[in-house]
């Protein structure tokens, strides 16, 4: 088993043992299983999910962050993370449209980067809401 801690600047979201974790890595998505080699990676907006001890998949839409893994312990520092229970379909669709508008109207590279991040986060939120499990 792996021990993970998910934290944001506001609070600790989850801590406990899990069977595996899937990350939206900056270079590509990746999975971590017990006894994985030590790794430090930045995370992009997307879906972070893990398989808990009861074989339940838990998912969070994240805006990005970092993971530091060694000795079967992962510290996962996230900018922002939301679970399916925290999301509402109408609000998520509205955020998606606002992010699309912001991206199309952004003039500077910083504005485009920020808008793209918000768009990717909104897409991850929508994806979680539209999944069956």
Protein backbone atom coordinates (compact mmCIF):
# COMPACT_ATOMS: atom_id res chain seq x y z
CA UNK A 1 0.00 0.00 0.00
CA UNK A 2 0.93 3.62 -0.50
CA UNK A 3 0.33 6.36 2.02
CA UNK A 4 -0.77 9.63 0.42
CA UNK A 5 -1.56 13.11 1.66
CA UNK A 6 -3.46 15.53 -0.56
CA UNK A 7 -3.21 19.13 0.59
CA UNK A 8 -4.16 22.53 -0.77
CA UNK A 9 -3.24 25.90 0.74
CA UNK A 10 -6.64 25.87 2.48
CA UNK A 11 -6.82 22.35 3.94
CA UNK A 12 -5.82 18.71 3.99
CA UNK A 13 -8.17 16.94 1.58
CA UNK A 14 -7.21 13.32 2.15
CA UNK A 15 -4.66 11.22 3.96
CA UNK A 16 -4.52 7.47 4.08
CA UNK A 17 -3.44 4.25 2.45
CA UNK A 18 -4.25 3.57 -1.18
CA UNK A 19 -3.46 0.85 -3.70
CA UNK A 20 -2.43 3.14 -6.56
CA UNK A 21 -2.57 6.75 -7.76
CA UNK A 22 -2.94 8.23 -11.26
CA UNK A 23 -1.51 11.70 -11.85
CA UNK A 24 -1.89 14.27 -14.64
CA UNK A 25 1.88 14.81 -14.93
CA UNK A 26 3.32 17.81 -16.71
CA UNK A 27 5.00 15.67 -19.37
CA UNK A 28 2.38 12.90 -19.46
CA UNK A 29 -0.11 11.12 -17.19
CA UNK A 30 1.42 8.45 -14.95
CA UNK A 31 0.47 5.88 -12.34
CA UNK A 32 2.24 5.06 -9.08
CA UNK A 33 2.02 1.67 -7.38
CA UNK A 34 3.58 0.49 -4.10
CA UNK A 35 7.40 0.31 -4.13
CA UNK A 36 7.68 2.84 -6.96
CA UNK A 37 11.05 4.54 -7.32
CA UNK A 38 11.30 7.97 -5.70
CA UNK A 39 9.89 10.72 -7.89
CA UNK A 40 9.19 14.43 -7.80
CA UNK A 41 6.88 15.74 -10.52
CA UNK A 42 4.85 18.80 -11.34
CA UNK A 43 1.17 18.25 -12.09
CA UNK A 44 -1.01 19.88 -14.71
CA UNK A 45 -4.74 20.64 -14.59
CA UNK A 46 -6.67 17.39 -14.96
CA UNK A 47 -7.97 14.46 -12.97
CA UNK A 48 -6.05 12.96 -10.06
CA UNK A 49 -7.50 9.63 -9.00
CA UNK A 50 -6.61 6.87 -6.60
CA UNK A 51 -7.79 3.39 -5.69
CA UNK A 52 -8.48 3.22 -1.97
CA UNK A 53 -8.25 0.19 0.30
CA UNK A 54 -11.88 -0.76 -0.39
CA UNK A 55 -11.32 -0.87 -4.19
CA UNK A 56 -13.17 2.41 -4.69
CA UNK A 57 -11.81 4.93 -7.19
CA UNK A 58 -11.71 8.45 -5.76
CA UNK A 59 -11.32 11.37 -8.20
CA UNK A 60 -10.44 15.02 -7.90
CA UNK A 61 -10.27 17.69 -10.57
CA UNK A 62 -7.09 19.68 -9.94
CA UNK A 63 -5.59 22.90 -11.26
CA UNK A 64 -2.03 21.64 -10.82
CA UNK A 65 0.60 21.14 -8.16
CA UNK A 66 3.44 18.82 -7.23
CA UNK A 67 3.96 15.28 -5.98
CA UNK A 68 6.92 14.09 -3.93
CA UNK A 69 7.07 10.31 -3.53
CA UNK A 70 9.59 8.23 -1.60
CA UNK A 71 9.41 5.11 0.60
CA UNK A 72 5.75 4.46 -0.33
CA UNK A 73 4.68 7.89 0.92
CA UNK A 74 3.41 10.58 -1.46
CA UNK A 75 2.99 14.20 -0.47
CA UNK A 76 0.69 15.77 -3.04
CA UNK A 77 0.56 19.56 -2.90
CA UNK A 78 -2.27 20.95 -5.01
CA UNK A 79 -3.21 24.50 -5.94
CA UNK A 80 -6.91 23.60 -6.00
CA UNK A 81 -8.83 20.32 -5.93
CA UNK A 82 -12.53 19.52 -6.05
CA UNK A 83 -14.39 16.23 -5.76
CA UNK A 84 -17.51 15.22 -7.67
CA UNK A 85 -19.64 15.98 -4.60
CA UNK A 86 -18.47 19.60 -4.64
CA UNK A 87 -19.41 20.19 -8.28
CA UNK A 88 -22.68 21.33 -9.85
CA UNK A 89 -23.28 20.74 -13.53
CA UNK A 90 -24.73 24.18 -14.34
CA UNK A 91 -21.92 26.02 -12.55
CA UNK A 92 -19.29 23.82 -14.20
CA UNK A 93 -20.68 24.44 -17.68
CA UNK A 94 -20.72 28.18 -16.97
CA UNK A 95 -17.07 28.06 -15.82
CA UNK A 96 -16.19 26.18 -19.00
CA UNK A 97 -17.80 28.84 -21.21
CA UNK A 98 -16.14 31.66 -19.25
CA UNK A 99 -12.76 29.98 -19.62
CA UNK A 100 -13.28 29.57 -23.38
CA UNK A 101 -14.20 33.25 -23.67
CA UNK A 102 -11.20 34.30 -21.58
CA UNK A 103 -8.87 32.22 -23.74
CA UNK A 104 -10.20 33.63 -26.99
CA UNK A 105 -10.00 37.22 -25.74
CA UNK A 106 -6.60 36.99 -24.01
CA UNK A 107 -3.95 39.17 -25.65
CA UNK A 108 -0.83 38.46 -23.59
CA UNK A 109 0.89 35.11 -23.09
CA UNK A 110 0.28 35.24 -19.33
CA UNK A 111 -3.44 35.73 -19.88
CA UNK A 112 -3.57 32.91 -22.41
CA UNK A 113 -1.69 30.57 -20.07
CA UNK A 114 -4.00 31.36 -17.15
CA UNK A 115 -7.12 30.99 -19.31
CA UNK A 116 -5.88 27.66 -20.72
CA UNK A 117 -5.29 26.37 -17.20
CA UNK A 118 -8.83 27.38 -16.19
CA UNK A 119 -10.23 25.76 -19.33
CA UNK A 120 -8.38 22.49 -18.63
CA UNK A 121 -9.60 22.54 -15.02
CA UNK A 122 -13.21 23.16 -16.11
CA UNK A 123 -12.94 20.28 -18.61
CA UNK A 124 -11.67 17.98 -15.84
CA UNK A 125 -14.58 19.02 -13.60
CA UNK A 126 -17.07 18.35 -16.38
CA UNK A 127 -15.47 14.98 -17.11
CA UNK A 128 -15.85 13.91 -13.48
CA UNK A 129 -19.52 14.96 -13.47
CA UNK A 130 -20.30 13.10 -16.67
CA UNK A 131 -18.74 9.79 -15.61
CA UNK A 132 -21.05 7.08 -14.34
CA UNK A 133 -19.14 5.95 -11.23
